[in-house]
C-alpha atoms as a PDB file:
ATOM      1  CA  MET A   1     -16.902   2.626 -30.752  1.00  0.00           C
ATOM      2  CA  PHE A   2     -14.243   1.779 -28.151  1.00  0.00           C
ATOM      3  CA  ASN A   3     -14.957  -1.555 -26.469  1.00  0.00           C
ATOM      4  CA  PRO A   4     -12.751  -2.260 -23.421  1.00  0.00           C
ATOM      5  CA  THR A   5     -13.880  -5.884 -23.165  1.00  0.00           C
ATOM      6  CA  GLU A   6     -12.941  -6.646 -26.764  1.00  0.00           C
ATOM      7  CA  THR A   7      -9.662  -4.816 -26.352  1.00  0.00           C
ATOM      8  CA  TYR A   8      -8.385  -6.745 -23.327  1.00  0.00           C
ATOM      9  CA  GLN A   9      -9.423  -9.998 -24.973  1.00  0.00           C
ATOM     10  CA  LYS A  10      -7.203  -9.070 -27.907  1.00  0.00           C
ATOM     11  CA  GLN A  11      -4.352  -8.289 -25.583  1.00  0.00           C
ATOM     12  CA  LYS A  12      -4.336 -11.718 -23.892  1.00  0.00           C
ATOM     13  CA  GLY A  13      -2.118 -10.612 -21.045  1.00  0.00           C
ATOM     14  CA  ILE A  14      -0.070  -7.933 -22.796  1.00  0.00           C
ATOM     15  CA  MET A  15      -0.067  -5.408 -19.986  1.00  0.00           C
ATOM     16  CA  ASP A  16       1.377  -2.266 -21.489  1.00  0.00           C
ATOM     17  CA  SER A  17       1.330  -2.429 -25.264  1.00  0.00           C
ATOM     18  CA  GLN A  18      -0.114   0.656 -26.938  1.00  0.00           C
ATOM     19  CA  GLU A  19      -0.768  -0.754 -30.408  1.00  0.00           C
ATOM     20  CA  PHE A  20      -4.042  -2.529 -29.612  1.00  0.00           C
ATOM     21  CA  PHE A  21      -6.187   0.361 -28.383  1.00  0.00           C
ATOM     22  CA  THR A  22      -6.763   4.080 -28.387  1.00  0.00           C
ATOM     23  CA  SER A  23      -6.943   5.396 -24.834  1.00  0.00           C
ATOM     24  CA  ARG A  24      -9.739   7.744 -23.845  1.00  0.00           C
ATOM     25  CA  LEU A  25      -7.554   9.122 -21.049  1.00  0.00           C
ATOM     26  CA  ASP A  26      -4.106  10.615 -21.460  1.00  0.00           C
ATOM     27  CA  LEU A  27      -2.124   8.437 -19.068  1.00  0.00           C
ATOM     28  CA  GLY A  28       1.302   9.140 -20.520  1.00  0.00           C
ATOM     29  CA  ASP A  29       2.173  11.483 -17.656  1.00  0.00           C
ATOM     30  CA  ILE A  30       1.420   8.771 -15.098  1.00  0.00           C
ATOM     31  CA  ARG A  31       3.584   6.206 -16.904  1.00  0.00           C
ATOM     32  CA  GLU A  32       6.414   8.715 -17.248  1.00  0.00           C
ATOM     33  CA  ALA A  33       6.255   9.677 -13.563  1.00  0.00           C
ATOM     34  CA  MET A  34       6.221   6.040 -12.440  1.00  0.00           C
ATOM     35  CA  ASP A  35       9.214   5.237 -14.666  1.00  0.00           C
ATOM     36  CA  ARG A  36      11.125   8.194 -13.245  1.00  0.00           C
ATOM     37  CA  ILE A  37      10.355   7.138  -9.668  1.00  0.00           C
ATOM     38  CA  ARG A  38      11.545   3.591 -10.391  1.00  0.00           C
ATOM     39  CA  MET A  39      14.738   5.052 -11.850  1.00  0.00           C
ATOM     40  CA  GLU A  40      15.321   7.285  -8.809  1.00  0.00           C
ATOM     41  CA  VAL A  41      14.661   4.450  -6.349  1.00  0.00           C
ATOM     42  CA  GLY A  42      16.915   2.177  -8.410  1.00  0.00           C
ATOM     43  CA  LYS A  43      19.856   4.498  -7.733  1.00  0.00           C
ATOM     44  CA  ILE A  44      19.991   3.014  -4.232  1.00  0.00           C
ATOM     45  CA  MET A  45      17.837  -0.094  -4.011  1.00  0.00           C
ATOM     46  CA  VAL A  46      18.537  -3.280  -5.923  1.00  0.00           C
ATOM     47  CA  GLY A  47      15.634  -5.499  -6.976  1.00  0.00           C
ATOM     48  CA  GLN A  48      12.344  -5.646  -5.027  1.00  0.00           C
ATOM     49  CA  HIS A  49      10.541  -4.317  -8.103  1.00  0.00           C
ATOM     50  CA  ALA A  50       7.190  -5.839  -7.096  1.00  0.00           C
ATOM     51  CA  MET A  51       7.280  -4.045  -3.742  1.00  0.00           C
ATOM     52  CA  VAL A  52       8.063  -0.704  -5.386  1.00  0.00           C
ATOM     53  CA  ASP A  53       5.285  -1.129  -7.961  1.00  0.00           C
ATOM     54  CA  GLN A  54       2.740  -2.000  -5.276  1.00  0.00           C
ATOM     55  CA  MET A  55       3.752   1.048  -3.244  1.00  0.00           C
ATOM     56  CA  LEU A  56       3.332   3.253  -6.320  1.00  0.00           C
ATOM     57  CA  ALA A  57      -0.073   1.700  -7.040  1.00  0.00           C
ATOM     58  CA  ALA A  58      -1.122   2.424  -3.448  1.00  0.00           C
ATOM     59  CA  ILE A  59      -0.165   6.081  -3.853  1.00  0.00           C
ATOM     60  CA  LEU A  60      -2.284   6.330  -7.017  1.00  0.00           C
ATOM     61  CA  ALA A  61      -5.188   4.478  -5.362  1.00  0.00           C
ATOM     62  CA  ASP A  62      -5.024   6.643  -2.213  1.00  0.00           C
ATOM     63  CA  GLY A  63      -4.433   3.708   0.117  1.00  0.00           C
ATOM     64  CA  HIS A  64      -2.163   2.810   3.019  1.00  0.00           C
ATOM     65  CA  VAL A  65       0.504   0.097   2.835  1.00  0.00           C
ATOM     66  CA  LEU A  66       1.717  -2.518   5.314  1.00  0.00           C
ATOM     67  CA  ILE A  67       5.111  -4.034   4.463  1.00  0.00           C
ATOM     68  CA  GLU A  68       5.960  -7.323   6.148  1.00  0.00           C
ATOM     69  CA  GLY A  69       9.291  -9.070   6.045  1.00  0.00           C
ATOM     70  CA  VAL A  70      12.299 -10.145   8.077  1.00  0.00           C
ATOM     71  CA  PRO A  71      14.857  -7.509   9.116  1.00  0.00           C
ATOM     72  CA  GLY A  72      17.414  -6.285   6.600  1.00  0.00           C
ATOM     73  CA  ILE A  73      15.500  -6.612   3.316  1.00  0.00           C
ATOM     74  CA  ALA A  74      15.021  -2.872   2.666  1.00  0.00           C
ATOM     75  CA  LYS A  75      11.458  -2.362   3.968  1.00  0.00           C
ATOM     76  CA  THR A  76      12.253   0.919   5.704  1.00  0.00           C
ATOM     77  CA  LEU A  77      14.698   1.956   2.991  1.00  0.00           C
ATOM     78  CA  ALA A  78      12.040   1.501   0.295  1.00  0.00           C
ATOM     79  CA  ALA A  79       9.614   3.743   2.191  1.00  0.00           C
ATOM     80  CA  LYS A  80      12.273   6.425   2.702  1.00  0.00           C
ATOM     81  CA  LEU A  81      13.251   6.326  -0.972  1.00  0.00           C
ATOM     82  CA  ILE A  82       9.640   6.617  -2.121  1.00  0.00           C
ATOM     83  CA  ALA A  83       9.254   9.584   0.238  1.00  0.00           C
ATOM     84  CA  ARG A  84      12.307  11.210  -1.351  1.00  0.00           C
ATOM     85  CA  THR A  85      10.626  11.062  -4.779  1.00  0.00           C
ATOM     86  CA  LEU A  86       7.578  12.989  -3.529  1.00  0.00           C
ATOM     87  CA  SER A  87       7.683  16.711  -2.787  1.00  0.00           C
ATOM     88  CA  VAL A  88       5.406  16.348   0.239  1.00  0.00           C
ATOM     89  CA  GLY A  89       5.787  16.351   4.006  1.00  0.00           C
ATOM     90  CA  PHE A  90       7.390  13.276   5.545  1.00  0.00           C
ATOM     91  CA  SER A  91       7.628  12.032   9.119  1.00  0.00           C
ATOM     92  CA  ARG A  92       8.865   8.826  10.670  1.00  0.00           C
ATOM     93  CA  VAL A  93       7.623   7.248  13.894  1.00  0.00           C
ATOM     94  CA  GLN A  94       9.355   4.330  15.598  1.00  0.00           C
ATOM     95  CA  PHE A  95       6.706   2.333  17.434  1.00  0.00           C
ATOM     96  CA  THR A  96       7.672   0.980  20.851  1.00  0.00           C
ATOM     97  CA  PRO A  97       5.706  -0.710  23.671  1.00  0.00           C
ATOM     98  CA  ASP A  98       5.698   2.498  25.758  1.00  0.00           C
ATOM     99  CA  LEU A  99       4.432   4.761  22.968  1.00  0.00           C
ATOM    100  CA  MET A 100       1.258   6.668  23.886  1.00  0.00           C
ATOM    101  CA  PRO A 101      -1.483   8.008  21.542  1.00  0.00           C
ATOM    102  CA  SER A 102      -0.477  11.596  22.345  1.00  0.00           C
ATOM    103  CA  ASP A 103       3.039  10.826  21.100  1.00  0.00           C
ATOM    104  CA  ILE A 104       1.525  10.292  17.651  1.00  0.00           C
ATOM    105  CA  LEU A 105      -1.507  12.564  17.481  1.00  0.00           C
ATOM    106  CA  GLY A 106      -0.275  15.440  19.611  1.00  0.00           C
ATOM    107  CA  THR A 107      -1.451  16.973  22.862  1.00  0.00           C
ATOM    108  CA  SER A 108      -2.904  20.152  24.328  1.00  0.00           C
ATOM    109  CA  ILE A 109      -0.387  22.371  26.127  1.00  0.00           C
ATOM    110  CA  PHE A 110      -1.311  25.226  28.459  1.00  0.00           C
ATOM    111  CA  ASN A 111       0.051  28.538  27.191  1.00  0.00           C
ATOM    112  CA  MET A 112       0.985  30.722  30.159  1.00  0.00           C
ATOM    113  CA  LYS A 113       0.931  33.928  28.059  1.00  0.00           C
ATOM    114  CA  SER A 114      -2.551  33.475  26.623  1.00  0.00           C
ATOM    115  CA  SER A 115      -3.886  31.431  29.569  1.00  0.00           C
ATOM    116  CA  GLU A 116      -5.354  28.999  27.055  1.00  0.00           C
ATOM    117  CA  PHE A 117      -4.657  25.462  25.942  1.00  0.00           C
ATOM    118  CA  GLU A 118      -2.966  25.096  22.541  1.00  0.00           C
ATOM    119  CA  PHE A 119      -2.876  21.931  20.503  1.00  0.00           C
ATOM    120  CA  ARG A 120       0.636  20.807  19.585  1.00  0.00           C
ATOM    121  CA  ARG A 121       0.432  18.564  16.545  1.00  0.00           C
ATOM    122  CA  GLY A 122       2.156  15.194  16.574  1.00  0.00           C
ATOM    123  CA  PRO A 123       4.126  13.493  13.788  1.00  0.00           C
ATOM    124  CA  ILE A 124       0.940  12.070  12.232  1.00  0.00           C
ATOM    125  CA  PHE A 125       0.297  15.548  10.819  1.00  0.00           C
ATOM    126  CA  SER A 126       2.250  15.093   7.634  1.00  0.00           C
ATOM    127  CA  ASN A 127       1.635  13.769   4.122  1.00  0.00           C
ATOM    128  CA  LEU A 128       3.616  10.531   4.129  1.00  0.00           C
ATOM    129  CA  ILE A 129       4.102   8.839   7.487  1.00  0.00           C
ATOM    130  CA  LEU A 130       6.502   5.929   7.917  1.00  0.00           C
ATOM    131  CA  ILE A 131       5.603   3.824  10.952  1.00  0.00           C
ATOM    132  CA  ASP A 132       8.463   1.471  11.704  1.00  0.00           C
ATOM    133  CA  GLU A 133       7.600  -1.822  13.454  1.00  0.00           C
ATOM    134  CA  ILE A 134       3.943  -0.936  13.826  1.00  0.00           C
ATOM    135  CA  ASN A 135       3.197  -4.137  15.743  1.00  0.00           C
ATOM    136  CA  ARG A 136       5.343  -3.053  18.715  1.00  0.00           C
ATOM    137  CA  ALA A 137       2.816  -0.532  20.061  1.00  0.00           C
ATOM    138  CA  PRO A 138      -0.010  -1.607  22.421  1.00  0.00           C
ATOM    139  CA  ALA A 139      -3.724  -1.598  21.574  1.00  0.00           C
ATOM    140  CA  LYS A 140      -4.357   1.907  22.947  1.00  0.00           C
ATOM    141  CA  THR A 141      -1.786   3.399  20.573  1.00  0.00           C
ATOM    142  CA  GLN A 142      -2.980   1.287  17.646  1.00  0.00           C
ATOM    143  CA  ALA A 143      -6.525   2.552  18.239  1.00  0.00           C
ATOM    144  CA  ALA A 144      -5.283   6.120  17.829  1.00  0.00           C
ATOM    145  CA  LEU A 145      -4.656   5.339  14.160  1.00  0.00           C
ATOM    146  CA  PHE A 146      -8.179   4.095  13.386  1.00  0.00           C
ATOM    147  CA  GLU A 147      -9.791   7.470  12.760  1.00  0.00           C
ATOM    148  CA  VAL A 148      -6.919   9.118  10.924  1.00  0.00           C
ATOM    149  CA  MET A 149      -6.294   6.183   8.572  1.00  0.00           C
ATOM    150  CA  GLU A 150      -9.948   5.889   7.553  1.00  0.00           C
ATOM    151  CA  GLU A 151     -11.323   9.440   7.761  1.00  0.00           C
ATOM    152  CA  ARG A 152      -8.137  11.477   7.316  1.00  0.00           C
ATOM    153  CA  GLN A 153      -8.871  13.458  10.446  1.00  0.00           C
ATOM    154  CA  VAL A 154      -7.909  13.524  14.130  1.00  0.00           C
ATOM    155  CA  THR A 155     -10.225  14.331  17.036  1.00  0.00           C
ATOM    156  CA  VAL A 156      -8.521  15.556  20.228  1.00  0.00           C
ATOM    157  CA  ASP A 157     -10.323  17.152  23.197  1.00  0.00           C
ATOM    158  CA  GLY A 158     -13.501  17.494  21.160  1.00  0.00           C
ATOM    159  CA  GLU A 159     -11.779  19.330  18.296  1.00  0.00           C
ATOM    160  CA  THR A 160     -11.428  17.789  14.834  1.00  0.00           C
ATOM    161  CA  TYR A 161      -8.341  18.475  12.736  1.00  0.00           C
ATOM    162  CA  LEU A 162      -8.318  17.540   9.051  1.00  0.00           C
ATOM    163  CA  MET A 163      -5.211  16.057   7.470  1.00  0.00           C
ATOM    164  CA  ASP A 164      -3.621  17.665   4.434  1.00  0.00           C
ATOM    165  CA  SER A 165      -3.787  15.773   1.152  1.00  0.00           C
ATOM    166  CA  PRO A 166      -2.137  13.489   0.222  1.00  0.00           C
ATOM    167  CA  PHE A 167      -2.129  11.440   3.408  1.00  0.00           C
ATOM    168  CA  LEU A 168      -0.467   8.036   3.252  1.00  0.00           C
ATOM    169  CA  VAL A 169       0.704   5.638   5.970  1.00  0.00           C
ATOM    170  CA  ILE A 170       3.466   3.171   5.145  1.00  0.00           C
ATOM    171  CA  ALA A 171       3.989   0.744   8.024  1.00  0.00           C
ATOM    172  CA  THR A 172       6.512  -2.052   8.457  1.00  0.00           C
ATOM    173  CA  GLN A 173       6.467  -5.138  10.651  1.00  0.00           C
ATOM    174  CA  ASN A 174       8.582  -8.219  11.295  1.00  0.00           C
ATOM    175  CA  PRO A 175       6.545 -11.464  11.134  1.00  0.00           C
ATOM    176  CA  ILE A 176       9.146 -13.576  12.908  1.00  0.00           C
ATOM    177  CA  GLU A 177      10.043 -11.814  16.142  1.00  0.00           C
ATOM    178  CA  GLN A 178       7.196 -12.015  18.672  1.00  0.00           C
ATOM    179  CA  GLU A 179       8.945 -10.682  21.781  1.00  0.00           C
ATOM    180  CA  GLY A 180       7.449  -7.305  22.692  1.00  0.00           C
ATOM    181  CA  THR A 181       4.995  -7.258  19.788  1.00  0.00           C
ATOM    182  CA  TYR A 182       1.203  -7.005  19.594  1.00  0.00           C
ATOM    183  CA  ARG A 183      -1.090  -8.434  16.955  1.00  0.00           C
ATOM    184  CA  LEU A 184      -2.714  -5.666  14.930  1.00  0.00           C
ATOM    185  CA  PRO A 185      -6.506  -5.483  15.364  1.00  0.00           C
ATOM    186  CA  GLU A 186      -8.495  -6.747  12.371  1.00  0.00           C
ATOM    187  CA  ALA A 187     -10.189  -3.345  12.054  1.00  0.00           C
ATOM    188  CA  GLN A 188      -6.808  -1.695  11.651  1.00  0.00           C
ATOM    189  CA  LEU A 189      -5.525  -4.279   9.172  1.00  0.00           C
ATOM    190  CA  ASP A 190      -8.644  -3.655   7.086  1.00  0.00           C
ATOM    191  CA  ARG A 191      -7.572  -0.027   6.696  1.00  0.00           C
ATOM    192  CA  PHE A 192      -4.457  -0.994   4.752  1.00  0.00           C
ATOM    193  CA  LEU A 193      -5.001  -1.184   0.998  1.00  0.00           C
ATOM    194  CA  PHE A 194      -2.107  -3.627   0.476  1.00  0.00           C
ATOM    195  CA  LYS A 195      -0.077  -5.909   2.658  1.00  0.00           C
ATOM    196  CA  ILE A 196       3.200  -6.361   0.805  1.00  0.00           C
ATOM    197  CA  THR A 197       5.129  -9.473   1.778  1.00  0.00           C
ATOM    198  CA  VAL A 198       8.804  -9.004   0.998  1.00  0.00           C
ATOM    199  CA  GLY A 199      11.147 -11.955   0.579  1.00  0.00           C
ATOM    200  CA  TYR A 200      14.885 -12.365   0.297  1.00  0.00           C
ATOM    201  CA  PRO A 201      16.671 -11.044  -2.811  1.00  0.00           C
ATOM    202  CA  SER A 202      17.875 -13.378  -5.521  1.00  0.00           C
ATOM    203  CA  ILE A 203      21.536 -14.416  -5.647  1.00  0.00           C
ATOM    204  CA  ASP A 204      22.207 -12.020  -8.537  1.00  0.00           C
ATOM    205  CA  ASP A 205      20.542  -9.127  -6.707  1.00  0.00           C
ATOM    206  CA  GLU A 206      22.506  -9.866  -3.553  1.00  0.00           C
ATOM    207  CA  VAL A 207      25.787  -9.873  -5.500  1.00  0.00           C
ATOM    208  CA  LYS A 208      24.782  -6.473  -6.917  1.00  0.00           C
ATOM    209  CA  ILE A 209      24.000  -5.218  -3.391  1.00  0.00           C
ATOM    210  CA  LEU A 210      27.454  -6.311  -2.193  1.00  0.00           C
ATOM    211  CA  ALA A 211      29.183  -4.755  -5.210  1.00  0.00           C
ATOM    212  CA  ASP A 212      27.363  -1.438  -4.747  1.00  0.00           C
ATOM    213  CA  PHE A 213      28.115  -1.307  -1.034  1.00  0.00           C
ATOM    214  CA  HIS A 214      31.760  -2.204  -1.645  1.00  0.00           C
ATOM    215  CA  GLN A 215      32.098   0.512  -4.268  1.00  0.00           C
ATOM    216  CA  ARG A 216      30.556   3.215  -2.052  1.00  0.00           C
ATOM    217  CA  LYS A 217      32.750   2.276   0.934  1.00  0.00           C
ATOM    218  CA  SER A 218      30.340   4.254   3.113  1.00  0.00           C
ATOM    219  CA  SER A 219      26.784   4.281   4.373  1.00  0.00           C
ATOM    220  CA  THR A 220      23.906   4.662   1.939  1.00  0.00           C
ATOM    221  CA  ASP A 221      23.412   8.285   0.863  1.00  0.00           C
ATOM    222  CA  ILE A 222      19.765   8.651  -0.109  1.00  0.00           C
ATOM    223  CA  SER A 223      20.258  12.330  -0.995  1.00  0.00           C
ATOM    224  CA  VAL A 224      21.047  11.226  -4.567  1.00  0.00           C
ATOM    225  CA  VAL A 225      17.337  10.396  -4.955  1.00  0.00           C
ATOM    226  CA  GLY A 226      15.438  13.438  -6.185  1.00  0.00           C
ATOM    227  CA  PRO A 227      11.755  14.457  -6.171  1.00  0.00           C
ATOM    228  CA  VAL A 228       9.518  13.495  -9.084  1.00  0.00           C
ATOM    229  CA  MET A 229       5.938  14.261  -8.031  1.00  0.00           C
ATOM    230  CA  THR A 230       4.312  17.091  -6.091  1.00  0.00           C
ATOM    231  CA  ALA A 231       1.056  16.999  -4.142  1.00  0.00           C
ATOM    232  CA  GLU A 232      -0.663  18.550  -7.162  1.00  0.00           C
ATOM    233  CA  HIS A 233       0.638  15.774  -9.424  1.00  0.00           C
ATOM    234  CA  ILE A 234      -0.628  13.119  -7.028  1.00  0.00           C
ATOM    235  CA  ALA A 235      -4.095  14.706  -6.860  1.00  0.00           C
ATOM    236  CA  ALA A 236      -4.299  14.917 -10.663  1.00  0.00           C
ATOM    237  CA  PHE A 237      -3.090  11.335 -11.136  1.00  0.00           C
ATOM    238  CA  ARG A 238      -5.570  10.009  -8.577  1.00  0.00           C
ATOM    239  CA  ALA A 239      -8.404  11.761 -10.403  1.00  0.00           C
ATOM    240  CA  LYS A 240      -7.357  10.007 -13.629  1.00  0.00           C
ATOM    241  CA  VAL A 241      -7.126   6.639 -11.894  1.00  0.00           C
ATOM    242  CA  ARG A 242     -10.711   7.003 -10.671  1.00  0.00           C
ATOM    243  CA  GLU A 243     -11.763   7.501 -14.318  1.00  0.00           C
ATOM    244  CA  VAL A 244     -10.229   4.198 -15.436  1.00  0.00           C
ATOM    245  CA  HIS A 245     -13.020   1.981 -16.760  1.00  0.00           C
ATOM    246  CA  CYS A 246     -13.992  -1.327 -15.144  1.00  0.00           C
ATOM    247  CA  GLU A 247     -16.512  -3.445 -17.076  1.00  0.00           C
ATOM    248  CA  GLY A 248     -19.567  -4.935 -15.374  1.00  0.00           C
ATOM    249  CA  PRO A 249     -18.329  -8.539 -15.724  1.00  0.00           C
ATOM    250  CA  LEU A 250     -15.087  -7.549 -14.010  1.00  0.00           C
ATOM    251  CA  LEU A 251     -16.981  -5.921 -11.128  1.00  0.00           C
ATOM    252  CA  ARG A 252     -18.856  -9.201 -10.691  1.00  0.00           C
ATOM    253  CA  TYR A 253     -15.527 -11.073 -10.910  1.00  0.00           C
ATOM    254  CA  ILE A 254     -14.205  -8.977  -8.004  1.00  0.00           C
ATOM    255  CA  ALA A 255     -17.380  -9.542  -5.983  1.00  0.00           C
ATOM    256  CA  GLN A 256     -17.215 -13.301  -6.588  1.00  0.00           C
ATOM    257  CA  ILE A 257     -13.608 -13.466  -5.380  1.00  0.00           C
ATOM    258  CA  VAL A 258     -14.389 -11.556  -2.185  1.00  0.00           C
ATOM    259  CA  ASP A 259     -17.576 -13.540  -1.601  1.00  0.00           C
ATOM    260  CA  GLY A 260     -15.475 -16.698  -1.895  1.00  0.00           C
ATOM    261  CA  THR A 261     -13.653 -15.692   1.294  1.00  0.00           C
ATOM    262  CA  ARG A 262     -16.965 -15.565   3.172  1.00  0.00           C
ATOM    263  CA  ASN A 263     -17.972 -19.102   2.245  1.00  0.00           C
ATOM    264  CA  ASN A 264     -14.750 -21.010   2.715  1.00  0.00           C
ATOM    265  CA  ASN A 265     -14.257 -23.845   5.188  1.00  0.00           C
ATOM    266  CA  ALA A 266     -10.639 -22.836   5.740  1.00  0.00           C
ATOM    267  CA  LEU A 267     -11.582 -19.336   6.956  1.00  0.00           C
ATOM    268  CA  TYR A 268     -13.478 -18.051   9.947  1.00  0.00           C
ATOM    269  CA  LEU A 269     -13.200 -14.394   8.862  1.00  0.00           C
ATOM    270  CA  GLY A 270     -13.782 -13.333   5.285  1.00  0.00           C
ATOM    271  CA  ALA A 271     -13.177 -10.001   3.588  1.00  0.00           C
ATOM    272  CA  SER A 272     -15.482  -6.980   3.824  1.00  0.00           C
ATOM    273  CA  PRO A 273     -16.871  -4.788   1.000  1.00  0.00           C
ATOM    274  CA  ARG A 274     -13.902  -2.505   1.657  1.00  0.00           C
ATOM    275  CA  ALA A 275     -11.760  -5.300   0.233  1.00  0.00           C
ATOM    276  CA  SER A 276     -13.833  -5.296  -2.981  1.00  0.00           C
ATOM    277  CA  ILE A 277     -13.304  -1.565  -3.356  1.00  0.00           C
ATOM    278  CA  SER A 278      -9.590  -1.991  -2.639  1.00  0.00           C
ATOM    279  CA  ILE A 279      -9.243  -4.644  -5.366  1.00  0.00           C
ATOM    280  CA  MET A 280     -11.017  -2.418  -7.864  1.00  0.00           C
ATOM    281  CA  MET A 281      -8.957   0.673  -7.022  1.00  0.00           C
ATOM    282  CA  GLY A 282      -5.697  -1.289  -6.958  1.00  0.00           C
ATOM    283  CA  ALA A 283      -6.506  -2.808 -10.361  1.00  0.00           C
ATOM    284  CA  LYS A 284      -7.318   0.648 -11.745  1.00  0.00           C
ATOM    285  CA  ALA A 285      -3.983   1.952 -10.475  1.00  0.00           C
ATOM    286  CA  PHE A 286      -2.025  -0.858 -12.150  1.00  0.00           C
ATOM    287  CA  ALA A 287      -3.972  -0.336 -15.381  1.00  0.00           C
ATOM    288  CA  ALA A 288      -3.105   3.372 -15.341  1.00  0.00           C
ATOM    289  CA  MET A 289       0.549   2.587 -14.613  1.00  0.00           C
ATOM    290  CA  ALA A 290       0.512   0.379 -17.729  1.00  0.00           C
ATOM    291  CA  GLY A 291      -0.975   3.212 -19.803  1.00  0.00           C
ATOM    292  CA  ARG A 292      -4.442   1.636 -20.110  1.00  0.00           C
ATOM    293  CA  ASP A 293      -7.696   3.354 -19.253  1.00  0.00           C
ATOM    294  CA  PHE A 294      -9.506   0.082 -18.591  1.00  0.00           C
ATOM    295  CA  VAL A 295      -9.065  -2.794 -16.153  1.00  0.00           C
ATOM    296  CA  THR A 296      -8.257  -6.344 -17.287  1.00  0.00           C
ATOM    297  CA  PRO A 297      -8.606  -9.612 -15.357  1.00  0.00           C
ATOM    298  CA  GLU A 298      -4.809  -9.677 -15.054  1.00  0.00           C
ATOM    299  CA  ASP A 299      -4.894  -6.364 -13.156  1.00  0.00           C
ATOM    300  CA  ILE A 300      -7.410  -7.831 -10.718  1.00  0.00           C
ATOM    301  CA  ARG A 301      -5.463 -11.056 -10.185  1.00  0.00           C
ATOM    302  CA  ARG A 302      -2.322  -8.993  -9.610  1.00  0.00           C
ATOM    303  CA  VAL A 303      -3.791  -7.188  -6.591  1.00  0.00           C
ATOM    304  CA  VAL A 304      -6.012  -9.896  -5.087  1.00  0.00           C
ATOM    305  CA  GLY A 305      -3.219 -11.333  -2.912  1.00  0.00           C
ATOM    306  CA  PRO A 306      -1.924  -8.049  -1.430  1.00  0.00           C
ATOM    307  CA  VAL A 307      -5.504  -6.887  -0.792  1.00  0.00           C
ATOM    308  CA  LEU A 308      -6.905 -10.066   0.786  1.00  0.00           C
ATOM    309  CA  ASN A 309      -4.008 -11.743   2.617  1.00  0.00           C
ATOM    310  CA  HIS A 310      -4.252  -9.536   5.712  1.00  0.00           C
ATOM    311  CA  ARG A 311      -8.053  -9.353   5.719  1.00  0.00           C
ATOM    312  CA  ILE A 312      -8.812 -13.057   6.143  1.00  0.00           C
ATOM    313  CA  LEU A 313      -8.213 -15.376   9.096  1.00  0.00           C
ATOM    314  CA  ILE A 314      -7.426 -19.071   8.776  1.00  0.00           C
ATOM    315  CA  THR A 315      -9.262 -21.492  11.078  1.00  0.00           C
ATOM    316  CA  PRO A 316      -7.029 -23.009  13.793  1.00  0.00           C
ATOM    317  CA  GLU A 317      -7.389 -26.468  12.262  1.00  0.00           C
ATOM    318  CA  LYS A 318      -6.215 -25.367   8.824  1.00  0.00           C
ATOM    319  CA  GLU A 319      -3.479 -23.234  10.362  1.00  0.00           C
ATOM    320  CA  MET A 320      -2.121 -26.320  12.138  1.00  0.00           C
ATOM    321  CA  GLU A 321      -2.081 -28.095   8.775  1.00  0.00           C
ATOM    322  CA  GLY A 322       0.168 -25.355   7.389  1.00  0.00           C
ATOM    323  CA  VAL A 323      -2.446 -23.653   5.209  1.00  0.00           C
ATOM    324  CA  THR A 324      -1.597 -19.996   4.549  1.00  0.00           C
ATOM    325  CA  PRO A 325      -3.762 -17.053   3.406  1.00  0.00           C
ATOM    326  CA  ASP A 326      -1.906 -17.175   0.071  1.00  0.00           C
ATOM    327  CA  ASP A 327      -3.007 -20.790  -0.411  1.00  0.00           C
ATOM    328  CA  VAL A 328      -6.641 -19.991   0.316  1.00  0.00           C
ATOM    329  CA  VAL A 329      -6.746 -16.888  -1.901  1.00  0.00           C
ATOM    330  CA  LYS A 330      -5.116 -18.756  -4.778  1.00  0.00           C
ATOM    331  CA  GLY A 331      -7.622 -21.576  -4.429  1.00  0.00           C
ATOM    332  CA  ILE A 332     -10.543 -19.142  -4.497  1.00  0.00           C
ATOM    333  CA  VAL A 333      -9.246 -17.304  -7.553  1.00  0.00           C
ATOM    334  CA  ASP A 334      -8.498 -20.543  -9.435  1.00  0.00           C
ATOM    335  CA  ARG A 335     -12.071 -21.782  -8.911  1.00  0.00           C
ATOM    336  CA  ILE A 336     -13.739 -18.678 -10.382  1.00  0.00           C
ATOM    337  CA  GLU A 337     -14.082 -18.414 -14.137  1.00  0.00           C
ATOM    338  CA  VAL A 338     -12.232 -15.456 -15.634  1.00  0.00           C
ATOM    339  CA  PRO A 339     -14.570 -13.105 -17.570  1.00  0.00           C
ATOM    340  CA  ARG A 340     -14.240 -13.440 -21.343  1.00  0.00           C
END
């Protein structure tokens, strides 16, 4: 009888080897699709493999993504390239301080011919929505995203409009520049599955970026990136991801990690049960991307940071000491015994 616990103990951190187990789910199509997307994205973008993998995991886990990093490190480009690999609707919204909720959701327009009001849909009515510099819009506009990000629906003038599936928000923000920006409400941050923190490229990657740009002698042409997955593929892959097995001890491991954020002297806001679900679904997605139909502790530890970093708040005292959410999360994870 297949025993996932025994299997991942045998693996000891080998994430994608096929020789140690017989999968109950056929996940070869997911691995193949993810490899093809990485190849397509790699035609334009150099490095940033962790960011791309986390974005792919979010698609499989049906979650939204917040990408944070300084300007010029390919945040927006990565989102546009991922969108190119999906045969689904795509829209881009540039957030600004004067943006109103109706500019995103849409508005009712009076039709002179029919003498009735008609709802004109805004850019949020698409499958993949790129929100650039999400922290530049005021609270009223941010609040317009609460319902659609959580319930996949929009209510305007008493009428409810359901979003087509898949529905995914990829948002970017700059953590350095504070002029003309607004802090995202905690309730909105909690709706993002992952917060991906993007750093500078390595020296070798930057040399490759310069060489590629020099060779092209023109602006980046993303039309060379072709589609890989359709909406039907995404729905089928998500159904398989939900079937990935997670042992009882690993569910407790997740709960212990999240509970550790609620009883920590360095934090005055811990993570909610939604964070526990996000860790589980993110771990399932990474397991499926590795061709495994069961979750390992390594899958969980891989997603803990991106899931928790934006959901916890450091106390002012610890913040003045230079303590970061990464430090606190790492300390919590290190203190909890890994299931054996």
